[in-house]
Amino acid sequence: MCSQAGDEEMKAIVVHQYGGPEVLRFEERADPAPGNGEVLVRVAAASVNPIDYKRRAGLTKDFYPIHFPGLIGVDVAGTVVKAGPGVKGFSREDQVFAMAADSYAELCVVKAEILSKVPEGLDLIQAAALPLVTTTGYQLISEGTGIKAGQTVLVVGAAGGVGRSAVFTAKQRGATVVAGILKRQLENAKDIGADQIVATDVEEELANLALVDAVADTVGGKTAEKLMAKVKQGGVFASVLGAPANSAKHPSVKVVLVYAKPDAKTLHFMAEAVRDGKLVIPISRKLPLRDAAEAQAAAEKGSKGKILLVA
């Protein structure tokens, strides 16, 4: 979290109470200062993630509350302003990005251990779309499914940023990948990189789907419940949204819950894949930071790509 410093003030999106997008207020806020092992970053862009609007709405207050008046935002990309005591490897004007905290602001403090330099050749603004979704997708496969070469994994919600990242990671591990998408997403699924595509909202396609070694789930709900029956005995159902409601009826399937953790090396690896065109994370809109309310409202309605807030 950001510590406060001096009399200087930045612009930030400040939340004073839980509610709809209208509670996001563009206000002045005291500049943060880096502490021991931290780096002060001038934000070029942040991105809108479901966790951001769920926090704003109070849906995560029991385990991830906002301390009012508080800031939100996880993804950040920008340039180094100042390194705090004990920080090595980062210099002023370095282009960096991270899965951090309080990123809907002009300045943000990030722990140096989770901060990564933006790979040469990757646009700084584009980098803001990557931290949470690519890290989550990577960990969903590597730590969640544990899928190995020669095995088959079904990635549910494969058209989204986390799903695309999971597909890429599974292919890197030598797995056969089935991309689970909605029928209406078919035209936008051609660049996902899977071996097979199945429409999870078409009963006939689900019925004809062969059993898989693992499911990597990013959608939850009724779809997740249906897919429990598609995992082989002794297989794994890994999810970022909790265990399916019917998981107890499938005792032979191991359910693994995945909660993304910042990892600078993973982020850099995934960002290089994006730069090299091996992984595509679509960006649908770029809005000024002051328009965070509009951005979140659009994201909640559903977007075909990431929405960025440019500071």
Protein backbone atom coordinates (compact mmCIF):
# COMPACT_ATOMS: atom_id res chain seq x y z
CA MET A 1 0.00 0.00 0.00
CA CYS A 2 1.06 3.56 -0.51
CA SER A 3 2.56 5.57 2.32
CA GLN A 4 1.95 9.31 2.43
CA ALA A 5 4.51 12.04 1.95
CA GLY A 6 4.88 15.82 2.13
CA ASP A 7 2.48 18.43 0.82
CA GLU A 8 2.57 17.43 -2.85
CA GLU A 9 -0.67 16.16 -4.33
CA MET A 10 -1.49 13.89 -7.24
CA LYS A 11 -4.77 13.10 -8.96
CA ALA A 12 -6.34 9.76 -8.13
CA ILE A 13 -9.62 7.88 -8.17
CA VAL A 14 -10.78 7.94 -4.54
CA VAL A 15 -13.54 5.77 -3.09
CA HIS A 16 -15.41 7.12 -0.05
CA GLN A 17 -18.10 4.44 0.18
CA TYR A 18 -19.19 1.21 -1.45
CA GLY A 19 -21.59 1.50 -4.36
CA GLY A 20 -21.90 1.72 -8.13
CA PRO A 21 -19.43 3.33 -10.57
CA GLU A 22 -20.62 6.78 -9.44
CA VAL A 23 -18.70 6.43 -6.14
CA LEU A 24 -15.42 6.65 -8.06
CA ARG A 25 -14.30 10.25 -7.60
CA PHE A 26 -11.40 11.96 -9.37
CA GLU A 27 -9.73 13.92 -6.57
CA GLU A 28 -6.45 15.24 -5.25
CA ARG A 29 -4.59 12.92 -2.94
CA ALA A 30 -1.29 13.27 -1.10
CA ASP A 31 1.63 11.92 -3.08
CA PRO A 32 2.79 8.51 -1.85
CA ALA A 33 6.42 7.96 -0.86
CA PRO A 34 8.45 4.75 -1.25
CA GLY A 35 9.52 3.01 1.91
CA ASN A 36 12.18 0.39 2.43
CA GLY A 37 12.26 -2.00 -0.53
CA GLU A 38 9.69 0.02 -2.50
CA VAL A 39 9.69 1.97 -5.75
CA LEU A 40 7.64 5.07 -6.59
CA VAL A 41 6.16 4.76 -10.08
CA ARG A 42 4.60 7.49 -12.21
CA VAL A 43 1.61 5.71 -13.67
CA ALA A 44 1.25 5.69 -17.44
CA ALA A 45 -1.79 3.40 -17.35
CA ALA A 46 -3.77 1.02 -15.20
CA SER A 47 -6.34 -1.50 -16.37
CA VAL A 48 -9.83 -2.41 -15.21
CA ASN A 49 -10.23 -5.88 -13.71
CA PRO A 50 -13.28 -7.59 -12.18
CA ILE A 51 -11.62 -7.45 -8.75
CA ASP A 52 -11.60 -3.64 -9.03
CA TYR A 53 -15.34 -3.24 -9.50
CA LYS A 54 -16.12 -6.03 -7.05
CA ARG A 55 -14.11 -4.15 -4.40
CA ARG A 56 -15.86 -0.88 -5.28
CA ALA A 57 -19.24 -2.57 -4.89
CA GLY A 58 -18.31 -4.04 -1.50
CA LEU A 59 -18.45 -7.64 -2.70
CA THR A 60 -14.98 -8.38 -1.29
CA LYS A 61 -15.20 -6.32 1.90
CA ASP A 62 -14.98 -9.37 4.18
CA PHE A 63 -11.54 -10.35 2.89
CA TYR A 64 -10.31 -7.43 0.75
CA PRO A 65 -11.88 -4.24 2.11
CA ILE A 66 -11.33 -0.63 1.09
CA HIS A 67 -10.24 1.59 3.95
CA PHE A 68 -12.13 4.81 3.23
CA PRO A 69 -11.23 7.12 1.72
CA GLY A 70 -9.21 4.64 -0.28
CA LEU A 71 -7.78 3.79 -3.66
CA ILE A 72 -8.22 0.74 -5.86
CA GLY A 73 -6.54 -0.79 -8.89
CA VAL A 74 -4.22 -3.77 -9.35
CA ASP A 75 -2.50 -3.41 -12.73
CA VAL A 76 0.07 -0.68 -13.22
CA ALA A 77 2.58 0.32 -15.89
CA GLY A 78 4.73 3.43 -15.75
CA THR A 79 8.16 4.90 -15.15
CA VAL A 80 10.30 4.88 -12.04
CA VAL A 81 10.37 8.19 -10.17
CA LYS A 82 12.36 7.15 -7.13
CA ALA A 83 13.65 3.99 -5.49
CA GLY A 84 13.35 3.66 -1.73
CA PRO A 85 16.06 2.47 0.67
CA GLY A 86 17.44 -0.98 -0.05
CA VAL A 87 16.24 -1.13 -3.64
CA LYS A 88 18.66 -2.31 -6.30
CA GLY A 89 18.16 -2.84 -10.02
CA PHE A 90 15.77 0.04 -10.72
CA SER A 91 16.71 3.52 -11.88
CA ARG A 92 14.82 6.72 -12.58
CA GLU A 93 12.86 6.60 -15.88
CA ASP A 94 12.97 2.78 -16.12
CA GLN A 95 9.76 1.51 -17.72
CA VAL A 96 8.14 -0.93 -15.31
CA PHE A 97 4.90 -2.78 -14.63
CA ALA A 98 3.43 -4.94 -11.90
CA MET A 99 0.45 -6.51 -10.22
CA ALA A 100 0.36 -4.07 -7.33
CA ALA A 101 -2.21 -1.97 -5.42
CA ASP A 102 -3.78 1.51 -5.56
CA SER A 103 -2.97 1.94 -9.25
CA TYR A 104 -5.90 4.19 -10.22
CA ALA A 105 -3.67 7.20 -9.59
CA GLU A 106 -0.93 9.32 -11.10
CA LEU A 107 1.63 7.84 -8.69
CA CYS A 108 1.85 4.41 -7.12
CA VAL A 109 4.23 2.69 -4.72
CA VAL A 110 5.22 -0.86 -5.61
CA LYS A 111 7.35 -3.40 -3.76
CA ALA A 112 10.55 -3.82 -5.75
CA GLU A 113 10.39 -7.62 -5.46
CA ILE A 114 7.18 -7.77 -7.52
CA LEU A 115 8.14 -5.06 -10.02
CA SER A 116 9.34 -6.00 -13.49
CA LYS A 117 10.93 -3.98 -16.27
CA VAL A 118 8.80 -3.78 -19.41
CA PRO A 119 10.43 -5.94 -22.11
CA GLU A 120 12.12 -3.91 -24.82
CA GLY A 121 9.76 -3.56 -27.76
CA LEU A 122 6.54 -3.76 -25.74
CA ASP A 123 4.45 -0.59 -25.59
CA LEU A 124 4.28 0.83 -22.05
CA ILE A 125 0.52 1.50 -22.19
CA GLN A 126 -0.15 -1.99 -23.55
CA ALA A 127 1.87 -3.44 -20.67
CA ALA A 128 -0.77 -2.19 -18.22
CA ALA A 129 -3.22 -4.78 -19.56
CA LEU A 130 -1.04 -7.72 -18.64
CA PRO A 131 -0.11 -8.14 -14.96
CA LEU A 132 -3.20 -9.67 -13.35
CA VAL A 133 -4.58 -11.67 -16.28
CA THR A 134 -1.30 -13.16 -17.50
CA THR A 135 -0.05 -14.00 -14.00
CA THR A 136 -3.38 -15.59 -13.10
CA GLY A 137 -3.55 -17.62 -16.30
CA TYR A 138 -0.01 -18.88 -15.83
CA GLN A 139 -0.61 -19.90 -12.22
CA LEU A 140 -3.98 -21.47 -13.02
CA ILE A 141 -2.13 -23.94 -15.24
CA SER A 142 1.22 -24.33 -13.47
CA GLU A 143 0.00 -24.39 -9.88
CA GLY A 144 -3.65 -25.27 -10.42
CA THR A 145 -3.88 -28.03 -13.01
CA GLY A 146 -0.23 -29.12 -12.93
CA ILE A 147 -0.85 -30.29 -16.49
CA LYS A 148 1.99 -32.17 -18.20
CA ALA A 149 3.10 -32.80 -21.76
CA GLY A 150 0.81 -35.26 -23.50
CA GLN A 151 -2.18 -34.54 -21.27
CA THR A 152 -5.33 -32.66 -22.27
CA VAL A 153 -6.72 -29.61 -20.49
CA LEU A 154 -9.97 -27.74 -21.09
CA VAL A 155 -9.60 -23.99 -20.49
CA VAL A 156 -13.03 -22.51 -19.75
CA GLY A 157 -13.49 -18.83 -20.60
CA ALA A 158 -10.62 -19.08 -23.05
CA ALA A 159 -11.57 -15.88 -24.90
CA GLY A 160 -10.79 -13.74 -21.84
CA GLY A 161 -7.39 -12.47 -20.77
CA VAL A 162 -6.90 -15.09 -18.05
CA GLY A 163 -8.15 -17.85 -20.34
CA ARG A 164 -5.88 -16.84 -23.21
CA SER A 165 -2.92 -16.77 -20.83
CA ALA A 166 -3.85 -20.23 -19.54
CA VAL A 167 -4.08 -21.62 -23.08
CA PHE A 168 -0.63 -20.24 -23.91
CA THR A 169 0.89 -21.62 -20.71
CA ALA A 170 -0.60 -25.07 -21.22
CA LYS A 171 0.71 -25.19 -24.80
CA GLN A 172 4.15 -24.19 -23.53
CA ARG A 173 4.02 -27.24 -21.25
CA GLY A 174 3.27 -29.54 -24.18
CA ALA A 175 -0.37 -30.17 -23.37
CA THR A 176 -3.25 -30.56 -25.79
CA VAL A 177 -5.59 -27.63 -25.16
CA VAL A 178 -9.34 -27.39 -25.66
CA ALA A 179 -10.63 -23.81 -25.53
CA GLY A 180 -14.06 -23.48 -23.95
CA ILE A 181 -15.85 -20.35 -25.19
CA LEU A 182 -19.38 -19.09 -25.79
CA LYS A 183 -20.84 -19.65 -29.25
CA ARG A 184 -21.00 -15.89 -29.90
CA GLN A 185 -17.25 -15.61 -29.26
CA LEU A 186 -16.27 -17.98 -32.05
CA GLU A 187 -15.20 -15.25 -34.48
CA ASN A 188 -12.95 -13.71 -31.82
CA ALA A 189 -11.39 -17.03 -30.80
CA LYS A 190 -9.22 -17.68 -33.83
CA ASP A 191 -6.09 -16.19 -32.25
CA ILE A 192 -6.38 -18.05 -28.92
CA GLY A 193 -3.95 -20.77 -30.00
CA ALA A 194 -5.82 -23.86 -28.77
CA ASP A 195 -5.89 -27.26 -30.48
CA GLN A 196 -9.67 -27.49 -30.33
CA ILE A 197 -12.56 -25.12 -29.61
CA VAL A 198 -15.82 -26.08 -27.92
CA ALA A 199 -18.85 -23.86 -27.29
CA THR A 200 -19.68 -24.46 -23.63
CA ASP A 201 -23.20 -23.05 -24.10
CA VAL A 202 -24.08 -25.61 -26.81
CA GLU A 203 -25.28 -28.81 -25.13
CA GLU A 204 -24.47 -31.05 -28.11
CA GLU A 205 -20.86 -29.86 -28.25
CA LEU A 206 -20.43 -30.46 -24.52
CA ALA A 207 -21.95 -33.93 -24.81
CA ASN A 208 -19.49 -34.85 -27.56
CA LEU A 209 -16.47 -33.57 -25.66
CA ALA A 210 -14.12 -36.37 -24.61
CA LEU A 211 -12.99 -36.61 -20.99
CA VAL A 212 -9.97 -34.44 -20.14
CA ASP A 213 -7.14 -34.71 -17.63
CA ALA A 214 -7.87 -31.27 -16.20
CA VAL A 215 -10.16 -28.28 -16.41
CA ALA A 216 -8.83 -24.74 -15.93
CA ASP A 217 -11.91 -22.70 -15.02
CA THR A 218 -12.30 -18.92 -15.24
CA VAL A 219 -16.10 -18.64 -15.39
CA GLY A 220 -17.59 -20.65 -12.49
CA GLY A 221 -21.35 -21.04 -12.03
CA LYS A 222 -23.50 -23.58 -13.87
CA THR A 223 -20.89 -24.04 -16.60
CA ALA A 224 -18.32 -25.17 -14.03
CA GLU A 225 -20.84 -27.60 -12.54
CA LYS A 226 -21.48 -29.20 -15.95
CA LEU A 227 -17.77 -29.56 -16.65
CA MET A 228 -17.00 -31.44 -13.43
CA ALA A 229 -18.33 -34.50 -15.25
CA LYS A 230 -15.84 -34.01 -18.07
CA VAL A 231 -12.77 -34.62 -15.90
CA LYS A 232 -11.26 -38.11 -15.85
CA GLN A 233 -11.13 -40.01 -12.58
CA GLY A 234 -8.08 -38.78 -10.70
CA GLY A 235 -8.06 -35.59 -12.75
CA VAL A 236 -7.98 -31.98 -11.62
CA PHE A 237 -10.52 -29.15 -11.70
CA ALA A 238 -8.65 -25.90 -11.06
CA SER A 239 -10.57 -22.65 -10.71
CA VAL A 240 -10.01 -18.98 -9.93
CA LEU A 241 -13.65 -18.65 -8.81
CA GLY A 242 -14.04 -21.28 -6.11
CA ALA A 243 -15.21 -24.89 -6.12
CA PRO A 244 -18.25 -25.79 -8.24
CA ALA A 245 -21.40 -26.26 -6.15
CA ASN A 246 -21.58 -29.93 -7.14
CA SER A 247 -17.94 -30.79 -6.50
CA ALA A 248 -18.84 -33.16 -3.65
CA LYS A 249 -20.66 -35.36 -6.18
CA HIS A 250 -17.36 -35.93 -8.00
CA PRO A 251 -15.02 -37.21 -5.25
CA SER A 252 -12.55 -38.66 -7.78
CA VAL A 253 -11.79 -35.16 -9.12
CA LYS A 254 -9.29 -33.02 -7.22
CA VAL A 255 -10.50 -29.43 -6.92
CA VAL A 256 -7.75 -26.81 -6.67
CA LEU A 257 -8.50 -23.15 -5.97
CA VAL A 258 -6.07 -20.63 -7.43
CA TYR A 259 -5.52 -17.13 -6.08
CA ALA A 260 -3.06 -15.12 -8.15
CA LYS A 261 0.15 -14.00 -6.47
CA PRO A 262 2.45 -11.30 -7.90
CA ASP A 263 5.49 -12.80 -9.60
CA ALA A 264 7.88 -10.55 -11.49
CA LYS A 265 9.60 -13.37 -13.42
CA THR A 266 6.31 -14.87 -14.58
CA LEU A 267 5.03 -11.46 -15.63
CA HIS A 268 8.16 -10.72 -17.65
CA PHE A 269 7.95 -14.12 -19.37
CA MET A 270 4.30 -13.63 -20.30
CA ALA A 271 4.92 -10.05 -21.47
CA GLU A 272 7.68 -11.25 -23.80
CA ALA A 273 5.18 -13.69 -25.29
CA VAL A 274 2.78 -10.80 -25.93
CA ARG A 275 5.54 -8.69 -27.46
CA ASP A 276 6.52 -11.59 -29.74
CA GLY A 277 2.93 -12.21 -30.86
CA LYS A 278 2.72 -15.64 -29.23
CA LEU A 279 0.01 -14.46 -26.83
CA VAL A 280 -2.71 -11.95 -27.67
CA ILE A 281 -4.46 -9.97 -24.91
CA PRO A 282 -6.99 -7.76 -26.72
CA ILE A 283 -7.45 -4.14 -25.61
CA SER A 284 -10.89 -2.71 -26.40
CA ARG A 285 -10.74 0.84 -25.03
CA LYS A 286 -8.41 3.44 -23.55
CA LEU A 287 -9.94 6.14 -21.36
CA PRO A 288 -8.47 8.95 -19.25
CA LEU A 289 -8.03 8.14 -15.56
CA ARG A 290 -10.74 10.67 -14.68
CA ASP A 291 -13.25 8.49 -16.56
CA ALA A 292 -12.79 5.45 -14.31
CA ALA A 293 -16.52 5.33 -13.56
CA GLU A 294 -17.35 5.05 -17.28
CA ALA A 295 -14.62 2.44 -17.71
CA GLN A 296 -15.89 0.26 -14.87
CA ALA A 297 -19.50 0.54 -16.02
CA ALA A 298 -18.45 -0.66 -19.47
CA ALA A 299 -16.37 -3.50 -18.03
CA GLU A 300 -19.25 -4.71 -15.87
CA LYS A 301 -21.51 -4.91 -18.95
CA GLY A 302 -18.94 -7.07 -20.70
CA SER A 303 -16.06 -6.10 -22.94
CA LYS A 304 -14.30 -7.91 -25.79
CA GLY A 305 -10.96 -6.76 -24.46
CA LYS A 306 -9.18 -5.01 -21.62
CA ILE A 307 -10.16 -1.44 -20.78
CA LEU A 308 -7.23 0.79 -19.87
CA LEU A 309 -7.13 3.95 -17.77
CA VAL A 310 -4.44 6.29 -19.07
CA ALA A 311 -3.06 8.65 -16.41
